[in-house]
Amino acid sequence: MGDYQYMATPLPSIIFHSGPIFDGHRLLEPGLAVGIRDGRVVALDTTDAVRAELPGVEEFDLAGRLLHPGFTDAHIHALSAGVDRNACDLTSAESEQQALQLVADYAARTDSEWIVGSGWTMAHFAGGCPTAASLDTVVADRPVFVMNRDHHGAWVNTRAMELAGITADTPDPADGRIERDADGVATGTLHEGAMDLVSRILPASTFAEQIAGLVTAQQLLHSYGITGWQEAIVGDYPGMADLASAYAQHESDGLLTAAVVGASWLPRPTTVGDVADVVAEFVRRKDAAAGGRWSMHSVKIMVDGVVENKTALMDEPYCGECACAPTGHGLAYFDPKVLAEAVIACDAAGLDVHFHAIGDGAVKVALDAVEAARIANGITGGRHHIAHLQLVAPADVPRFARLGVTVNMQALWACNDEQMIDLVLPVVGEQRYQWHYPFASLAATGAHLAMGSDWPVSTPDPWHAISVAVNRMPPGEDVEALLPAESLDVATALAAYTSGSAWINRRTGSGEIRIGANADLVVADRNPFEQPLTELWQTGTDLTVADGVIVYERTEQ
C-alpha cells in the first residue's frame, strides 16, 4: 500500500474504461465503461456508448484493474482504533516479550499519568492471560491499562489494581471476571465487565484526542477502499468514551468524508423497566444525527463475550472447567425477557439492532428476540443483524433468512489461526467445531450477508477478510482450511462487503455501480478475479472515491 494523506478532491466528469466492473452484486460482462457526472453514475454501457453520452470528458484507463463500489465496513470501532494507534499500540507484537518492550518504549516517551493502550493477542500468553507481575517489570511506578485486541479483556499492572481497589476480596461483577491465582489474588487480567473496575478511573480521552483518532482512522480506511462504516459502539462502554460528539463535530467541520452510522450502546445492566427510557434516548440521538454523513439509527446489544476467555454464551457447557458461571455455559449479559423487550421496542421505534453474538447460545437468544419483535410488531423494515456468529447451531441456520436477520461476518476469523487452535478448539469440542462460521450454509438459505472487520480487533483490510471467506485459511499461510465446505466465492464475499453492508447502513445509492448511484468507487491495483485465490489478500487500492470526492490516491506504484 502506498502513502496516504488527507485529501478531498471533487471527481471531475469522467469515464472509467478498459477494466472489469463489479457492480456490487456480480462481475459485469467485459467491454463496459462507467460514466460519472456531478458525483453520480450517469452512464453504464459500452465504452463507445458512454463516450457518446459524455463527449470530451476526462477518461480513466483502468488498464485491466477492477472497478468496484466502495467498501462499507459493517462492524468496526474506527475512532477508538485511531485513538489506540496514537497511544500505546501493541498490535505489532508477536510475543509477550515484544508486547512488554512496546509498553516500555511508550512509557519512556510519554509523561502521562497513565499508560493506556490496546492490541495484545491472547495467544501470546499462557492460558491467554498476561500477568501484572510481568507488566510490573517494565512499568511499576505508573498505572498501566492495555486492552487486548478484541477489547474483551485488559492487562493491568499492580499499580492500576491498587488505585482501583482490587483485592482478593473484590467480587467478580455480574458481567465479567477477575483472573485470579489459586489463592484468589488478582493476577492482572480483567475480563469483560471487570475491565470497568479500572477503566472507570482512567482519565477520559480528550476531545482533541478523539478528533485526532478519527482523522487517523478515516485516512487509513480510505486507503483500503472503505467509504463507509458502522461504528459498532457509541456510548459508555468500559475503556471507551462516547464518540458521538466527535463524529458530529467532524461532519460539521466538513471533514467527515466517509458515511458513518453509529450504534448506540445498550447499557448493562438494563431492566425491563428501563427499556422505554433507554429507547427514547436512542430515538433522540437518531433524530439529532439525521440527514448527514453521520447518522445513528442503529443500537448495539452485546449478548455475550468471547470463546477464548469462556464468556461466550454456549447452549451446552464448555469442555473442561469454566469459571464464568456455575453452569459452565459462559455469560449472558441480558435476561432473555429483557433482551426481547429491548428488541421489540427498538424495532417499533425504527431502530436497527446490531447484535454481538459469539456462542451458539447467544446466537439463539438474539434470533429469539428478533422473532419476538416480528410477532409483536409485524414486518417493520428493521434491518437487524447479528455480528460475529462464531458458532451457529444447525437448527438456527435457516432462521436468519426466515426472520430477515442479516449475517454480519467478520470473516478474517474463519480460519485455523493460533488463537483458534490454542484457545478455542480445546474448549468447544469436536461437535461445536463443525459449527464455526457457517457462511456458505447461511448463504444457501438466502440470508442477507454483510461483512466487517471489527478493527482494531483485526486488520481493516477488506481483501484479507475476503481471502479468508474464500479460502478459510489465514492470508498467505498454507494450513488446514477451517471447514472448507463453508467457503464463499469471490463475488459473494465482495458483494457482502459492498452492497450487503451498505444496505444495513441504509445508504441508498451506495454499495452499487448503477445509473443514479453515488460515485462511491474504488479502483483496485489488479483484477482479483483473475489471480489465484490464495493471493486475494494481496489486492490493494489505487483510488478511492467517496460520494464523488477523491479521498485516496496511491502515490507509489
Protein backbone atom coordinates (compact mmCIF):
# COMPACT_ATOMS: atom_id res chain seq x y z
CA MET A 1 0.00 0.00 0.00
CA GLY A 2 1.30 3.44 -0.89
CA ASP A 3 1.42 6.56 1.25
CA TYR A 4 -1.84 8.15 2.27
CA GLN A 5 -2.83 11.59 3.49
CA TYR A 6 -5.98 13.63 3.94
CA MET A 7 -7.49 14.64 0.64
CA ALA A 8 -10.94 15.60 -0.63
CA THR A 9 -10.78 16.48 -4.30
CA PRO A 10 -14.05 16.58 -6.27
CA LEU A 11 -14.07 13.97 -9.02
CA PRO A 12 -14.50 15.61 -12.42
CA SER A 13 -16.86 14.27 -15.04
CA ILE A 14 -15.01 11.14 -16.06
CA ILE A 15 -15.26 7.81 -17.84
CA PHE A 16 -13.73 4.64 -16.34
CA HIS A 17 -12.97 2.11 -19.06
CA SER A 18 -10.82 -0.85 -20.11
CA GLY A 19 -11.18 -2.93 -16.99
CA PRO A 20 -13.55 -5.36 -15.26
CA ILE A 21 -16.51 -3.87 -13.36
CA PHE A 22 -18.10 -5.42 -10.29
CA ASP A 23 -21.44 -3.69 -9.70
CA GLY A 24 -21.91 -4.70 -6.06
CA HIS A 25 -23.65 -7.95 -6.93
CA ARG A 26 -21.84 -9.54 -9.87
CA LEU A 27 -18.97 -9.14 -12.29
CA LEU A 28 -20.35 -7.46 -15.39
CA GLU A 29 -19.67 -8.58 -18.93
CA PRO A 30 -16.40 -7.31 -20.46
CA GLY A 31 -16.20 -4.17 -22.53
CA LEU A 32 -18.33 -1.87 -20.39
CA ALA A 33 -17.49 1.59 -19.12
CA VAL A 34 -18.85 3.80 -16.32
CA GLY A 35 -19.57 7.50 -16.74
CA ILE A 36 -19.60 9.90 -13.78
CA ARG A 37 -21.02 13.42 -13.66
CA ASP A 38 -21.76 15.60 -10.62
CA GLY A 39 -20.84 12.80 -8.22
CA ARG A 40 -23.28 10.30 -9.72
CA VAL A 41 -23.12 7.35 -12.08
CA VAL A 42 -24.88 8.60 -15.21
CA ALA A 43 -23.82 6.00 -17.76
CA LEU A 44 -23.08 2.28 -17.76
CA ASP A 45 -22.72 0.88 -21.24
CA THR A 46 -20.15 0.04 -23.87
CA THR A 47 -17.20 2.38 -23.94
CA ASP A 48 -18.27 3.92 -27.23
CA ALA A 49 -21.82 4.50 -25.95
CA VAL A 50 -20.60 6.16 -22.76
CA ARG A 51 -18.22 8.37 -24.74
CA ALA A 52 -21.12 9.43 -26.93
CA GLU A 53 -23.16 10.34 -23.84
CA LEU A 54 -20.29 12.22 -22.19
CA PRO A 55 -18.30 13.70 -25.06
CA GLY A 56 -14.97 15.31 -24.33
CA VAL A 57 -14.77 14.43 -20.63
CA GLU A 58 -11.70 13.13 -18.84
CA GLU A 59 -11.02 9.39 -19.10
CA PHE A 60 -9.51 6.94 -16.62
CA ASP A 61 -7.88 3.88 -18.17
CA LEU A 62 -8.34 1.01 -15.75
CA ALA A 63 -5.71 -0.99 -17.66
CA GLY A 64 -7.28 -4.26 -16.56
CA ARG A 65 -7.74 -3.25 -12.92
CA LEU A 66 -11.04 -3.92 -11.16
CA LEU A 67 -13.56 -1.10 -10.61
CA HIS A 68 -15.91 -1.86 -7.73
CA PRO A 69 -18.15 0.03 -5.26
CA GLY A 70 -16.61 1.43 -2.13
CA PHE A 71 -16.43 -0.96 0.78
CA THR A 72 -18.72 -0.45 3.78
CA ASP A 73 -17.36 -1.98 6.99
CA ALA A 74 -20.43 -3.28 8.82
CA HIS A 75 -18.75 -3.66 12.23
CA ILE A 76 -15.79 -1.55 13.27
CA HIS A 77 -14.51 0.60 16.13
CA ALA A 78 -12.83 3.14 13.89
CA LEU A 79 -12.46 6.18 16.11
CA SER A 80 -11.19 4.28 19.14
CA ALA A 81 -8.84 2.32 16.84
CA GLY A 82 -7.46 5.62 15.62
CA VAL A 83 -7.00 6.79 19.20
CA ASP A 84 -5.28 3.48 20.00
CA ARG A 85 -2.85 3.91 17.11
CA ASN A 86 -1.87 7.25 18.59
CA ALA A 87 -1.45 5.74 22.09
CA CYS A 88 0.31 2.59 23.37
CA ASP A 89 -0.29 0.35 20.36
CA LEU A 90 0.61 -3.33 20.83
CA THR A 91 -0.86 -4.67 17.59
CA SER A 92 2.57 -5.32 16.07
CA ALA A 93 3.72 -7.51 18.97
CA GLU A 94 4.24 -11.17 18.09
CA SER A 95 5.14 -12.36 21.59
CA GLU A 96 4.80 -11.43 25.25
CA GLN A 97 8.32 -10.04 25.26
CA GLN A 98 7.61 -7.80 22.28
CA ALA A 99 4.43 -6.54 23.93
CA LEU A 100 6.37 -5.67 27.08
CA GLN A 101 9.01 -3.86 25.05
CA LEU A 102 6.36 -1.78 23.28
CA VAL A 103 4.88 -0.79 26.65
CA ALA A 104 8.34 0.13 27.94
CA ASP A 105 9.13 2.17 24.82
CA TYR A 106 5.85 4.05 25.01
CA ALA A 107 6.28 4.77 28.72
CA ALA A 108 9.75 6.15 28.04
CA ARG A 109 8.45 8.75 25.58
CA THR A 110 5.40 9.97 27.50
CA ASP A 111 4.98 11.61 30.88
CA SER A 112 1.26 10.72 31.04
CA GLU A 113 -0.10 9.82 34.44
CA TRP A 114 -1.49 6.57 33.00
CA ILE A 115 -0.12 4.26 30.30
CA VAL A 116 -3.18 3.39 28.21
CA GLY A 117 -3.38 1.35 25.03
CA SER A 118 -4.52 -1.86 23.39
CA GLY A 119 -3.71 -4.54 20.86
CA TRP A 120 -2.14 -7.52 22.64
CA THR A 121 -3.02 -11.01 21.46
CA MET A 122 -4.26 -13.66 23.89
CA ALA A 123 -2.42 -16.46 22.09
CA HIS A 124 0.92 -14.89 23.08
CA PHE A 125 0.32 -15.52 26.78
CA ALA A 126 -0.04 -18.70 28.81
CA GLY A 127 -3.73 -19.53 29.01
CA GLY A 128 -4.48 -16.30 27.16
CA CYS A 129 -3.95 -14.29 30.34
CA PRO A 130 -0.98 -11.93 30.87
CA THR A 131 0.02 -11.00 34.40
CA ALA A 132 0.58 -7.84 36.38
CA ALA A 133 3.89 -9.30 37.53
CA SER A 134 5.29 -9.26 34.00
CA LEU A 135 3.92 -5.76 33.33
CA ASP A 136 5.49 -4.53 36.58
CA THR A 137 8.92 -5.44 35.21
CA VAL A 138 8.68 -2.62 32.64
CA VAL A 139 6.37 -0.10 34.37
CA ALA A 140 5.82 -0.25 38.11
CA ASP A 141 5.57 3.39 39.17
CA ARG A 142 2.62 4.39 36.95
CA PRO A 143 -0.68 2.57 36.37
CA VAL A 144 -0.99 0.63 33.10
CA PHE A 145 -4.24 -0.37 31.36
CA VAL A 146 -3.96 -2.03 27.95
CA MET A 147 -6.91 -3.79 26.36
CA ASN A 148 -6.44 -6.89 24.24
CA ARG A 149 -7.03 -6.82 20.51
CA ASP A 150 -10.71 -7.79 20.82
CA HIS A 151 -11.36 -5.30 23.65
CA HIS A 152 -12.95 -8.05 25.75
CA GLY A 153 -10.15 -8.07 28.28
CA ALA A 154 -7.49 -5.81 29.78
CA TRP A 155 -3.97 -6.28 31.09
CA VAL A 156 -3.19 -4.14 34.12
CA ASN A 157 -0.21 -3.74 36.39
CA THR A 158 -0.17 -3.82 40.17
CA ARG A 159 -0.31 -0.03 40.47
CA ALA A 160 -3.52 0.11 38.42
CA MET A 161 -5.15 -2.53 40.62
CA GLU A 162 -4.08 -0.67 43.75
CA LEU A 163 -5.67 2.55 42.52
CA ALA A 164 -8.85 0.67 41.59
CA GLY A 165 -9.00 -1.04 44.99
CA ILE A 166 -8.91 -4.55 43.51
CA THR A 167 -8.04 -7.12 46.17
CA ALA A 168 -8.65 -10.80 46.76
CA ASP A 169 -11.94 -9.78 48.38
CA THR A 170 -13.20 -7.86 45.34
CA PRO A 171 -16.13 -9.82 43.88
CA ASP A 172 -16.45 -10.51 40.17
CA PRO A 173 -19.02 -8.21 38.55
CA ALA A 174 -22.10 -9.85 37.09
CA ASP A 175 -20.89 -9.23 33.55
CA GLY A 176 -17.22 -10.09 33.92
CA ARG A 177 -14.43 -11.89 35.72
CA ILE A 178 -11.19 -11.07 37.50
CA GLU A 179 -8.46 -13.57 36.66
CA ARG A 180 -7.07 -14.95 39.93
CA ASP A 181 -4.46 -17.37 41.23
CA ALA A 182 -5.19 -20.36 43.43
CA ASP A 183 -5.37 -18.10 46.49
CA GLY A 184 -7.92 -15.77 44.89
CA VAL A 185 -5.43 -12.96 44.30
CA ALA A 186 -5.99 -10.95 41.12
CA THR A 187 -3.24 -11.74 38.62
CA GLY A 188 -3.59 -8.85 36.18
CA THR A 189 -6.15 -9.84 33.53
CA LEU A 190 -9.67 -8.40 33.69
CA HIS A 191 -12.33 -9.99 31.52
CA GLU A 192 -15.36 -8.19 30.09
CA GLY A 193 -17.21 -6.05 32.66
CA ALA A 194 -14.36 -6.46 35.16
CA MET A 195 -12.40 -4.02 33.00
CA ASP A 196 -14.66 -1.27 34.26
CA LEU A 197 -13.18 -1.65 37.75
CA VAL A 198 -10.13 0.14 36.34
CA SER A 199 -11.45 1.90 33.24
CA ARG A 200 -13.86 3.99 35.32
CA ILE A 201 -10.91 5.72 37.00
CA LEU A 202 -8.96 6.30 33.78
CA PRO A 203 -8.53 9.88 32.62
CA ALA A 204 -11.07 10.36 29.85
CA SER A 205 -9.70 10.77 26.35
CA THR A 206 -9.81 14.41 25.36
CA PHE A 207 -11.97 15.73 22.56
CA ALA A 208 -8.79 16.65 20.67
CA GLU A 209 -7.52 13.07 21.03
CA GLN A 210 -10.82 11.76 19.67
CA ILE A 211 -10.72 14.07 16.66
CA ALA A 212 -7.09 13.10 16.01
CA GLY A 213 -8.08 9.44 16.24
CA LEU A 214 -10.90 9.96 13.76
CA VAL A 215 -8.56 11.71 11.33
CA THR A 216 -6.08 8.83 11.61
CA ALA A 217 -8.78 6.21 11.16
CA GLN A 218 -10.53 7.86 8.22
CA GLN A 219 -7.28 8.33 6.31
CA LEU A 220 -6.30 4.71 6.82
CA LEU A 221 -9.73 3.29 5.97
CA HIS A 222 -9.98 5.30 2.76
CA SER A 223 -6.61 3.86 1.74
CA TYR A 224 -8.22 0.42 1.88
CA GLY A 225 -11.14 1.48 -0.31
CA ILE A 226 -13.56 1.89 2.60
CA THR A 227 -16.05 4.71 2.06
CA GLY A 228 -18.45 4.00 4.92
CA TRP A 229 -18.78 2.03 8.11
CA GLN A 230 -20.87 1.24 11.16
CA GLU A 231 -19.25 2.44 14.38
CA ALA A 232 -20.17 -0.57 16.49
CA ILE A 233 -20.26 1.05 19.94
CA VAL A 234 -21.23 4.64 20.65
CA GLY A 235 -21.83 5.15 24.36
CA ASP A 236 -20.27 4.45 27.74
CA TYR A 237 -18.56 1.09 27.16
CA PRO A 238 -15.73 0.13 29.55
CA GLY A 239 -12.49 1.68 28.34
CA MET A 240 -14.17 3.73 25.59
CA ALA A 241 -15.57 7.25 25.56
CA ASP A 242 -18.84 8.26 23.91
CA LEU A 243 -17.84 9.13 20.35
CA ALA A 244 -20.97 10.86 19.06
CA SER A 245 -19.79 14.43 19.61
CA ALA A 246 -16.51 13.87 17.78
CA TYR A 247 -18.27 12.48 14.72
CA ALA A 248 -20.85 15.26 14.76
CA GLN A 249 -18.13 17.91 15.01
CA HIS A 250 -16.08 16.34 12.22
CA GLU A 251 -19.14 16.37 9.99
CA SER A 252 -19.96 19.96 10.95
CA ASP A 253 -16.40 20.95 10.02
CA GLY A 254 -16.84 19.38 6.59
CA LEU A 255 -14.12 16.82 7.25
CA LEU A 256 -16.17 13.62 7.51
CA THR A 257 -15.74 12.16 4.03
CA ALA A 258 -16.99 8.69 4.98
CA ALA A 259 -20.64 7.77 5.53
CA VAL A 260 -20.86 6.53 9.11
CA VAL A 261 -23.64 5.00 11.19
CA GLY A 262 -23.21 5.00 14.96
CA ALA A 263 -24.68 2.15 17.00
CA SER A 264 -25.91 3.41 20.39
CA TRP A 265 -24.72 1.14 23.19
CA LEU A 266 -27.42 -0.63 25.23
CA PRO A 267 -26.02 -0.36 28.76
CA ARG A 268 -25.77 -3.29 31.06
CA PRO A 269 -27.46 -3.97 33.25
CA THR A 270 -30.74 -2.87 31.66
CA THR A 271 -34.04 -3.99 33.17
CA VAL A 272 -37.47 -4.30 31.60
CA GLY A 273 -38.42 -1.13 33.46
CA ASP A 274 -35.50 0.75 31.88
CA VAL A 275 -36.30 -0.15 28.28
CA ALA A 276 -38.76 2.63 27.42
CA ASP A 277 -36.49 5.43 28.67
CA VAL A 278 -33.36 3.94 27.11
CA VAL A 279 -35.00 3.51 23.71
CA ALA A 280 -36.43 7.04 23.89
CA GLU A 281 -32.88 8.33 24.32
CA PHE A 282 -31.73 6.26 21.33
CA VAL A 283 -34.50 7.82 19.23
CA ARG A 284 -33.44 11.29 20.38
CA ARG A 285 -29.87 10.56 19.28
CA LYS A 286 -31.12 9.20 15.97
CA ASP A 287 -33.19 12.31 15.30
CA ALA A 288 -30.34 14.63 16.27
CA ALA A 289 -27.95 12.97 13.81
CA ALA A 290 -30.36 12.52 10.91
CA GLY A 291 -29.69 13.65 7.39
CA GLY A 292 -25.92 13.85 7.01
CA ARG A 293 -22.89 11.63 6.65
CA TRP A 294 -23.15 10.84 10.37
CA SER A 295 -26.31 9.03 11.49
CA MET A 296 -27.39 6.96 14.49
CA HIS A 297 -30.24 4.64 13.56
CA SER A 298 -28.57 1.53 14.98
CA VAL A 299 -28.45 0.08 18.51
CA LYS A 300 -25.65 -2.19 19.72
CA ILE A 301 -26.58 -5.06 22.02
CA MET A 302 -23.75 -7.26 23.29
CA VAL A 303 -25.35 -10.60 24.10
CA ASP A 304 -22.24 -12.42 25.33
CA GLY A 305 -18.44 -12.31 25.45
CA VAL A 306 -15.84 -14.36 23.58
CA VAL A 307 -14.89 -18.03 23.50
CA GLU A 308 -11.22 -17.50 24.36
CA ASN A 309 -11.98 -16.40 27.92
CA LYS A 310 -15.08 -18.62 28.15
CA THR A 311 -17.52 -15.72 28.37
CA ALA A 312 -19.26 -16.54 25.08
CA LEU A 313 -22.70 -17.99 25.81
CA MET A 314 -23.00 -21.68 24.97
CA ASP A 315 -26.15 -23.75 24.83
CA GLU A 316 -24.19 -26.63 26.34
CA PRO A 317 -21.31 -26.24 28.83
CA TYR A 318 -17.73 -25.64 27.79
CA CYS A 319 -15.37 -28.59 27.66
CA GLY A 320 -13.29 -28.61 30.81
CA GLU A 321 -13.50 -26.20 33.73
CA CYS A 322 -15.27 -22.87 33.21
CA ALA A 323 -15.07 -20.19 35.88
CA CYS A 324 -17.53 -17.89 34.13
CA ALA A 325 -20.70 -19.20 35.66
CA PRO A 326 -21.84 -22.01 37.95
CA THR A 327 -23.30 -23.82 34.94
CA GLY A 328 -20.17 -23.54 32.78
CA HIS A 329 -22.14 -22.06 29.87
CA GLY A 330 -20.35 -18.68 29.80
CA LEU A 331 -22.05 -15.34 30.34
CA ALA A 332 -25.40 -13.96 29.20
CA TYR A 333 -25.36 -10.20 29.57
CA PHE A 334 -29.13 -9.82 29.41
CA ASP A 335 -32.02 -11.87 30.67
CA PRO A 336 -33.83 -13.23 27.59
CA LYS A 337 -37.01 -11.37 28.58
CA VAL A 338 -35.14 -8.06 28.84
CA LEU A 339 -33.44 -8.73 25.52
CA ALA A 340 -36.75 -9.44 23.81
CA GLU A 341 -38.40 -6.33 25.27
CA ALA A 342 -35.48 -4.15 24.19
CA VAL A 343 -35.52 -5.50 20.63
CA ILE A 344 -39.31 -5.17 20.38
CA ALA A 345 -39.07 -1.54 21.49
CA CYS A 346 -36.16 -0.72 19.16
CA ASP A 347 -37.88 -2.38 16.23
CA ALA A 348 -41.11 -0.48 16.87
CA ALA A 349 -39.16 2.80 17.10
CA GLY A 350 -37.49 2.33 13.72
CA LEU A 351 -34.08 1.44 15.14
CA ASP A 352 -31.92 -1.32 13.66
CA VAL A 353 -30.44 -3.72 16.21
CA HIS A 354 -26.80 -4.70 15.83
CA PHE A 355 -26.13 -7.77 17.99
CA HIS A 356 -22.79 -9.09 19.19
CA ALA A 357 -23.26 -12.86 19.47
CA ILE A 358 -20.35 -15.30 19.53
CA GLY A 359 -21.57 -18.52 21.15
CA ASP A 360 -24.36 -20.68 19.79
CA GLY A 361 -26.43 -19.85 22.86
CA ALA A 362 -26.06 -16.13 22.19
CA VAL A 363 -26.99 -16.51 18.51
CA LYS A 364 -30.10 -18.42 19.53
CA VAL A 365 -31.34 -15.85 22.06
CA ALA A 366 -30.63 -13.00 19.62
CA LEU A 367 -32.74 -14.73 16.97
CA ASP A 368 -35.41 -15.41 19.59
CA ALA A 369 -35.52 -11.69 20.40
CA VAL A 370 -35.96 -10.74 16.74
CA GLU A 371 -38.66 -13.37 16.40
CA ALA A 372 -40.45 -11.82 19.38
CA ALA A 373 -40.25 -8.43 17.65
CA ARG A 374 -41.65 -9.85 14.42
CA ILE A 375 -44.56 -11.36 16.34
CA ALA A 376 -45.21 -8.16 18.33
CA ASN A 377 -44.70 -5.60 15.57
CA GLY A 378 -45.07 -7.43 12.29
CA ILE A 379 -42.64 -6.65 9.47
CA THR A 380 -41.41 -3.14 10.21
CA GLY A 381 -38.49 -2.95 7.82
CA GLY A 382 -35.95 -3.16 10.63
CA ARG A 383 -32.55 -4.18 9.27
CA HIS A 384 -31.38 -6.16 12.27
CA HIS A 385 -28.08 -8.00 12.04
CA ILE A 386 -26.00 -10.38 14.13
CA ALA A 387 -22.25 -9.82 14.11
CA HIS A 388 -19.55 -12.45 14.67
CA LEU A 389 -21.77 -15.59 14.91
CA GLN A 390 -18.73 -17.75 15.53
CA LEU A 391 -20.81 -20.77 16.48
CA VAL A 392 -24.25 -21.33 14.96
CA ALA A 393 -26.23 -24.45 15.81
CA PRO A 394 -27.56 -26.16 12.66
CA ALA A 395 -31.17 -25.62 13.78
CA ASP A 396 -30.61 -21.85 13.81
CA VAL A 397 -29.06 -21.56 10.33
CA PRO A 398 -32.39 -21.25 8.45
CA ARG A 399 -33.80 -18.77 10.97
CA PHE A 400 -31.71 -15.87 9.63
CA ALA A 401 -33.44 -15.85 6.25
CA ARG A 402 -36.83 -16.62 7.73
CA LEU A 403 -36.63 -13.72 10.20
CA GLY A 404 -34.87 -11.32 7.83
CA VAL A 405 -31.76 -11.10 10.02
CA THR A 406 -28.53 -10.14 8.25
CA VAL A 407 -25.40 -12.25 8.73
CA ASN A 408 -22.72 -9.69 9.70
CA MET A 409 -19.50 -11.62 9.07
CA GLN A 410 -16.06 -10.90 10.48
CA ALA A 411 -14.64 -13.36 8.00
CA LEU A 412 -10.97 -12.90 8.87
CA TRP A 413 -11.53 -15.07 11.94
CA ALA A 414 -12.86 -18.08 9.99
CA CYS A 415 -9.57 -19.96 9.90
CA ASN A 416 -7.30 -22.16 11.94
CA ASP A 417 -5.01 -19.48 13.33
CA GLU A 418 -3.08 -19.93 16.57
CA GLN A 419 -5.83 -18.40 18.69
CA MET A 420 -8.38 -20.82 17.22
CA ILE A 421 -6.12 -23.83 17.72
CA ASP A 422 -4.73 -22.98 21.16
CA LEU A 423 -7.63 -21.24 22.92
CA VAL A 424 -10.88 -22.11 21.12
CA LEU A 425 -10.86 -25.69 19.92
CA PRO A 426 -9.89 -27.22 23.29
CA VAL A 427 -12.92 -25.65 24.99
CA VAL A 428 -15.63 -26.10 22.34
CA GLY A 429 -15.11 -29.75 21.40
CA GLU A 430 -15.46 -31.57 18.09
CA GLN A 431 -19.21 -31.18 17.55
CA ARG A 432 -19.19 -27.42 18.00
CA TYR A 433 -16.01 -27.16 15.94
CA GLN A 434 -18.21 -28.17 12.98
CA TRP A 435 -20.48 -25.16 13.64
CA HIS A 436 -17.80 -22.50 13.11
CA TYR A 437 -18.66 -19.59 10.83
CA PRO A 438 -21.15 -21.43 8.57
CA PHE A 439 -21.10 -18.76 5.85
CA ALA A 440 -21.93 -20.99 2.88
CA SER A 441 -24.75 -22.71 4.74
CA LEU A 442 -26.24 -19.35 5.70
CA ALA A 443 -25.88 -18.00 2.16
CA ALA A 444 -27.58 -21.09 0.75
CA THR A 445 -30.71 -20.31 2.78
CA GLY A 446 -30.99 -16.88 1.15
CA ALA A 447 -29.85 -14.95 4.22
CA HIS A 448 -28.63 -11.40 3.58
CA LEU A 449 -24.85 -11.11 4.00
CA ALA A 450 -22.75 -8.18 5.19
CA MET A 451 -19.11 -8.01 6.23
CA GLY A 452 -16.93 -6.02 8.59
CA SER A 453 -13.51 -6.12 10.20
CA ASP A 454 -14.05 -5.35 13.90
CA TRP A 455 -10.88 -3.24 13.66
CA PRO A 456 -8.83 -2.83 15.87
CA VAL A 457 -9.50 -6.47 16.74
CA SER A 458 -8.35 -7.34 13.21
CA THR A 459 -6.86 -5.56 10.23
CA PRO A 460 -9.40 -3.33 8.47
CA ASP A 461 -8.14 -4.51 5.05
CA PRO A 462 -11.25 -5.94 3.31
CA TRP A 463 -9.24 -8.12 0.95
CA HIS A 464 -7.71 -10.01 3.86
CA ALA A 465 -11.21 -10.84 5.11
CA ILE A 466 -12.44 -11.72 1.63
CA SER A 467 -9.44 -14.02 1.22
CA VAL A 468 -10.33 -15.93 4.38
CA ALA A 469 -14.02 -16.08 3.45
CA VAL A 470 -12.97 -17.75 0.19
CA ASN A 471 -10.05 -19.90 1.36
CA ARG A 472 -10.83 -20.47 5.08
CA MET A 473 -7.09 -20.09 5.74
CA PRO A 474 -5.09 -17.20 7.21
CA PRO A 475 -3.86 -14.85 4.48
CA GLY A 476 -0.59 -16.03 2.99
CA GLU A 477 -0.48 -19.25 5.02
CA ASP A 478 -0.76 -22.83 3.80
CA VAL A 479 -2.51 -24.57 6.68
CA GLU A 480 -5.52 -26.83 7.05
CA ALA A 481 -8.64 -24.95 5.99
CA LEU A 482 -11.36 -24.44 8.58
CA LEU A 483 -14.41 -26.32 7.28
CA PRO A 484 -13.74 -25.58 3.58
CA ALA A 485 -17.32 -26.51 2.65
CA GLU A 486 -18.33 -23.20 4.26
CA SER A 487 -16.25 -21.14 1.80
CA LEU A 488 -17.82 -18.35 -0.23
CA ASP A 489 -16.94 -17.49 -3.81
CA VAL A 490 -15.20 -14.19 -4.52
CA ALA A 491 -18.28 -12.45 -5.92
CA THR A 492 -20.43 -13.37 -2.91
CA ALA A 493 -17.81 -12.18 -0.44
CA LEU A 494 -17.21 -8.94 -2.36
CA ALA A 495 -20.96 -8.31 -2.58
CA ALA A 496 -21.26 -8.73 1.19
CA TYR A 497 -18.55 -6.11 1.78
CA THR A 498 -20.09 -3.62 -0.67
CA SER A 499 -23.83 -3.72 -1.37
CA GLY A 500 -24.58 -6.02 1.58
CA SER A 501 -23.03 -3.76 4.19
CA ALA A 502 -24.28 -0.55 2.56
CA TRP A 503 -27.80 -1.97 2.80
CA ILE A 504 -27.73 -2.43 6.57
CA ASN A 505 -26.32 1.10 6.85
CA ARG A 506 -29.32 2.34 4.84
CA ARG A 507 -27.05 4.13 2.37
CA THR A 508 -29.35 4.28 -0.65
CA GLY A 509 -27.24 4.73 -3.76
CA SER A 510 -24.05 3.36 -2.20
CA GLY A 511 -22.52 -0.10 -2.46
CA GLU A 512 -23.55 -0.43 -6.11
CA ILE A 513 -22.44 0.74 -9.54
CA ARG A 514 -25.64 1.53 -11.40
CA ILE A 515 -27.14 4.55 -13.09
CA GLY A 516 -28.19 7.03 -10.42
CA ALA A 517 -25.91 5.61 -7.72
CA ASN A 518 -23.47 7.73 -5.77
CA ALA A 519 -19.93 7.78 -7.11
CA ASP A 520 -18.59 5.63 -4.26
CA LEU A 521 -15.95 3.84 -6.29
CA VAL A 522 -12.68 2.00 -5.87
CA VAL A 523 -10.02 1.15 -8.41
CA ALA A 524 -8.13 -1.93 -7.21
CA ASP A 525 -4.49 -2.45 -8.12
CA ARG A 526 -5.31 -5.60 -10.09
CA ASN A 527 -8.15 -7.86 -11.19
CA PRO A 528 -8.58 -10.24 -8.25
CA PHE A 529 -11.00 -12.39 -10.24
CA GLU A 530 -8.09 -13.48 -12.45
CA GLN A 531 -5.49 -14.29 -9.82
CA PRO A 532 -5.02 -17.41 -7.69
CA LEU A 533 -7.48 -17.48 -4.81
CA THR A 534 -4.67 -17.80 -2.28
CA GLU A 535 -3.34 -14.42 -3.48
CA LEU A 536 -6.58 -12.47 -2.98
CA TRP A 537 -5.23 -10.93 0.21
CA GLN A 538 -2.51 -9.14 -1.78
CA THR A 539 -5.08 -6.99 -3.59
CA GLY A 540 -4.64 -3.30 -2.88
CA THR A 541 -6.29 0.02 -3.69
CA ASP A 542 -5.13 2.60 -6.23
CA LEU A 543 -8.02 5.09 -5.98
CA THR A 544 -10.93 5.66 -3.59
CA VAL A 545 -13.85 7.96 -4.40
CA ALA A 546 -16.44 8.70 -1.68
CA ASP A 547 -19.67 10.33 -2.83
CA GLY A 548 -17.99 11.93 -5.82
CA VAL A 549 -14.89 13.07 -3.93
CA ILE A 550 -11.42 11.58 -4.35
CA VAL A 551 -10.36 10.70 -0.80
CA TYR A 552 -7.36 8.48 -1.53
CA GLU A 553 -4.98 8.06 -4.43
CA ARG A 554 -1.96 5.82 -4.34
CA THR A 555 1.24 7.83 -4.60
CA GLU A 556 3.58 4.85 -5.05
CA GLN A 557 3.40 2.03 -7.57
